[in-house]
Protein backbone atom coordinates (compact mmCIF):
# COMPACT_ATOMS: atom_id res chain seq x y z
CA MET A 1 0.00 0.00 0.00
CA LYS A 2 1.29 3.44 -0.89
CA ARG A 3 1.90 6.00 1.84
CA ILE A 4 1.95 9.77 2.17
CA VAL A 5 3.54 12.04 4.76
CA ILE A 6 1.91 15.44 5.27
CA LEU A 7 3.78 18.51 6.51
CA ILE A 8 1.82 21.18 8.40
CA SER A 9 2.47 24.30 10.45
CA GLY A 10 -1.01 25.03 11.79
CA ARG A 11 -4.52 23.61 11.79
CA GLY A 12 -3.89 21.45 8.74
CA SER A 13 -7.35 21.74 7.19
CA ASN A 14 -6.10 20.29 3.90
CA MET A 15 -4.52 17.44 5.86
CA GLN A 16 -7.90 16.80 7.47
CA ALA A 17 -9.54 16.77 4.03
CA MET A 18 -7.11 14.07 2.91
CA VAL A 19 -7.67 11.96 6.01
CA GLU A 20 -11.43 12.24 5.57
CA ALA A 21 -11.04 11.27 1.90
CA GLY A 22 -9.51 7.98 3.04
CA LEU A 23 -6.02 8.63 1.68
CA PRO A 24 -3.19 6.54 3.18
CA VAL A 25 -1.62 9.08 5.55
CA ALA A 26 1.36 7.43 7.25
CA ALA A 27 2.38 10.44 9.34
CA VAL A 28 1.84 14.15 9.93
CA ILE A 29 4.95 16.19 10.70
CA SER A 30 5.09 19.80 11.87
CA ASN A 31 7.76 22.41 12.49
CA ARG A 32 5.62 23.78 15.32
CA ALA A 33 4.73 21.92 18.51
CA ASP A 34 1.55 23.99 18.85
CA ALA A 35 0.17 23.11 15.42
CA ALA A 36 -3.49 22.25 15.99
CA GLY A 37 -3.46 19.67 13.22
CA LEU A 38 -1.19 17.40 15.25
CA GLY A 39 -3.97 16.79 17.74
CA TYR A 40 -6.41 15.95 14.96
CA ALA A 41 -3.99 13.47 13.40
CA ALA A 42 -3.17 11.81 16.72
CA GLY A 43 -6.87 11.50 17.44
CA ARG A 44 -7.29 9.59 14.19
CA GLY A 45 -4.47 7.19 15.10
CA ILE A 46 -1.98 8.73 12.68
CA ALA A 47 1.68 8.97 13.68
CA THR A 48 2.91 12.51 14.36
CA ALA A 49 6.32 14.10 14.72
CA ILE A 50 7.68 17.56 15.48
CA VAL A 51 10.87 19.00 14.00
CA PRO A 52 11.11 22.52 15.51
CA HIS A 53 12.81 24.82 13.02
CA GLY A 54 14.10 27.00 15.85
CA ASP A 55 16.35 24.18 17.02
CA TYR A 56 18.54 24.48 13.91
CA ALA A 57 21.02 27.20 13.03
CA THR A 58 20.49 27.02 9.28
CA ARG A 59 17.75 26.12 6.82
CA ALA A 60 19.92 23.32 5.48
CA ALA A 61 20.32 21.79 8.95
CA PHE A 62 16.58 21.96 9.56
CA ASP A 63 15.79 20.46 6.17
CA ALA A 64 18.21 17.60 6.82
CA ALA A 65 16.49 16.81 10.11
CA LEU A 66 13.07 17.12 8.47
CA ALA A 67 14.10 14.73 5.70
CA GLN A 68 15.30 12.20 8.27
CA ALA A 69 11.93 12.38 10.03
CA ILE A 70 10.06 12.01 6.73
CA ASP A 71 12.15 9.10 5.49
CA ALA A 72 11.46 7.12 8.66
CA TYR A 73 7.93 6.60 7.29
CA ARG A 74 9.07 5.58 3.76
CA PRO A 75 6.50 7.71 1.94
CA ASP A 76 5.69 7.52 -1.74
CA LEU A 77 4.58 11.15 -1.65
CA VAL A 78 5.31 14.15 0.59
CA VAL A 79 2.46 16.65 0.78
CA LEU A 80 2.77 20.26 1.95
CA ALA A 81 -0.43 21.39 3.65
CA GLY A 82 0.07 24.85 5.10
CA PHE A 83 3.73 24.17 5.85
CA MET A 84 5.10 27.67 6.36
CA ARG A 85 8.77 27.16 5.63
CA ILE A 86 10.73 27.89 2.48
CA LEU A 87 12.55 24.68 1.65
CA THR A 88 16.12 24.53 0.37
CA ASP A 89 16.86 23.42 -3.16
CA GLY A 90 18.57 20.33 -1.78
CA PHE A 91 15.43 19.25 0.06
CA VAL A 92 13.23 19.87 -2.97
CA LEU A 93 15.51 17.90 -5.26
CA ARG A 94 15.68 15.02 -2.75
CA TYR A 95 11.92 14.53 -3.22
CA GLN A 96 11.67 15.66 -6.84
CA GLY A 97 8.54 14.29 -8.43
CA ARG A 98 7.24 13.20 -5.00
CA LEU A 99 6.69 16.62 -3.36
CA LEU A 100 3.31 18.33 -3.77
CA ASN A 101 1.96 21.72 -2.69
CA ILE A 102 -1.22 23.75 -2.96
CA GLN A 103 -1.15 27.48 -3.67
CA PRO A 104 -4.23 29.66 -3.03
CA SER A 105 -4.10 31.31 -6.43
CA LEU A 106 -4.49 30.39 -10.08
CA LEU A 107 -0.81 29.95 -10.85
CA PRO A 108 1.20 31.42 -12.43
CA ALA A 109 -0.73 34.40 -11.03
CA PHE A 110 0.12 35.54 -7.50
CA PRO A 111 2.86 33.20 -6.35
CA GLY A 112 3.97 33.60 -2.74
CA LEU A 113 1.96 35.03 0.14
CA ASP A 114 -1.09 37.30 0.60
CA THR A 115 -2.69 35.95 -2.55
CA HIS A 116 -6.28 36.92 -1.73
CA ALA A 117 -5.45 40.52 -0.91
CA ARG A 118 -3.33 40.77 -4.05
CA ALA A 119 -6.12 39.31 -6.19
CA LEU A 120 -8.60 41.84 -4.82
CA ALA A 121 -6.15 44.70 -5.35
CA ALA A 122 -5.55 43.60 -8.94
CA GLY A 123 -9.27 43.52 -9.68
CA VAL A 124 -9.23 40.01 -11.15
CA LYS A 125 -12.63 38.45 -11.77
CA LEU A 126 -11.52 34.85 -11.17
CA HIS A 127 -9.35 33.60 -8.34
CA GLY A 128 -8.76 30.10 -7.01
CA CYS A 129 -6.16 27.50 -6.11
CA SER A 130 -3.60 25.27 -7.79
CA VAL A 131 -2.04 21.94 -6.82
CA HIS A 132 1.47 21.67 -8.21
CA PHE A 133 4.65 19.70 -7.93
CA VAL A 134 7.32 21.54 -5.95
CA THR A 135 10.46 22.68 -7.75
CA PRO A 136 13.31 24.91 -6.56
CA GLN A 137 11.56 27.94 -8.09
CA LEU A 138 8.84 29.00 -5.65
CA ASP A 139 5.29 28.14 -6.78
CA HIS A 140 6.37 27.37 -10.35
CA GLY A 141 6.24 23.56 -10.54
CA PRO A 142 4.05 21.60 -12.96
CA ILE A 143 0.36 22.19 -12.23
CA VAL A 144 -1.76 19.10 -11.54
CA ILE A 145 -5.22 20.62 -11.05
CA GLN A 146 -6.81 24.02 -10.48
CA ALA A 147 -10.17 25.28 -9.22
CA ALA A 148 -11.60 28.73 -9.89
CA VAL A 149 -13.98 30.85 -7.88
CA PRO A 150 -15.58 34.13 -8.98
CA VAL A 151 -14.47 37.31 -7.26
CA LEU A 152 -17.71 38.92 -6.16
CA PRO A 153 -18.35 42.68 -5.94
CA HIS A 154 -18.54 42.79 -2.15
CA ASP A 155 -15.77 40.33 -1.39
CA ASP A 156 -13.19 41.05 1.23
CA GLU A 157 -10.09 38.98 1.88
CA ALA A 158 -11.78 36.70 4.43
CA LYS A 159 -14.81 35.92 2.24
CA LEU A 160 -12.67 35.18 -0.78
CA ALA A 161 -10.25 33.06 1.22
CA ALA A 162 -13.09 30.95 2.62
CA ARG A 163 -14.44 30.12 -0.84
CA VAL A 164 -10.98 29.28 -2.14
CA LEU A 165 -10.27 27.05 0.87
CA ALA A 166 -13.41 25.03 0.18
CA GLU A 167 -12.06 24.35 -3.32
CA GLU A 168 -8.64 23.42 -1.91
CA HIS A 169 -10.35 20.71 0.11
CA ARG A 170 -11.91 19.37 -3.10
CA ILE A 171 -8.93 19.35 -5.43
CA TYR A 172 -6.00 18.47 -3.17
CA PRO A 173 -7.23 14.96 -2.24
CA GLN A 174 -8.04 14.37 -5.92
CA ALA A 175 -4.53 15.31 -6.99
CA VAL A 176 -2.97 13.06 -4.36
CA ARG A 177 -5.17 10.16 -5.41
CA TRP A 178 -4.18 10.58 -9.07
CA ILE A 179 -0.51 10.43 -8.12
CA LEU A 180 -0.87 7.39 -5.89
CA GLU A 181 -2.81 5.62 -8.64
CA ASP A 182 -0.15 6.52 -11.24
CA GLN A 183 -2.65 8.49 -13.31
CA LEU A 184 -0.37 11.41 -14.24
CA VAL A 185 1.89 11.98 -17.23
CA ILE A 186 4.31 14.93 -17.26
CA GLU A 187 5.65 16.05 -20.63
CA SER A 188 7.73 19.21 -21.04
CA GLY A 189 6.56 20.43 -17.64
CA VAL A 190 2.86 19.97 -18.45
CA VAL A 191 0.78 17.50 -16.41
CA ARG A 192 -1.89 15.38 -18.07
CA VAL A 193 -4.23 12.88 -16.45
CA LYS A 194 -4.79 9.50 -18.03
CA GLY A 195 -8.38 9.05 -19.10
CA ASP A 196 -11.04 11.72 -19.22
CA HIS A 197 -10.56 13.55 -15.91
CA PRO A 198 -10.95 17.34 -15.74
CA GLN A 199 -7.98 19.24 -14.38
CA GLN A 200 -9.89 22.48 -13.99
CA LEU A 201 -12.93 22.88 -11.77
CA SER A 202 -15.29 25.70 -10.92
CA ALA A 203 -16.96 26.24 -7.59
CA PRO A 204 -20.41 24.62 -7.53
């Protein structure tokens, strides 16, 4: 049976969505001891571990310790779910093709942080989220699936973020399942799904 390890820094709502979708979560690892998602995972009988980033003098030292913790569970896939650390190139390359992230924007638009505020400031009419493979260039890896939500006239950052998060919970488990079932083909940096499966969704 294939296994995934999920990295979180907070409540881990996307991690919870994957657990509730029945995905084979071997462990949940956090860089913060106070991450609320650790309690959820432990309550579901999932192994947890903490690798506090403050215990390490450099990013490389932290990433080495994190990789050791991950590898103890022999995962087929490592999933970032609100993991608020910029990873070194060495870490990313160690898990190349097996490291997945979700970005709350329609990449390549609005990489990085504060995506909802930036979308509102730009006046875009569609916003959303993207699941992508992680590469050394931040938020620029091959895109697996995206979901779009309309930006409504009276939206503020919180309202828009809530609608996007609901779509994250839909598409992230789907992307993970495709990978575990070997349903993806990547050619020239473009991801295709075997069979007739949509890779772009709209909010219902």
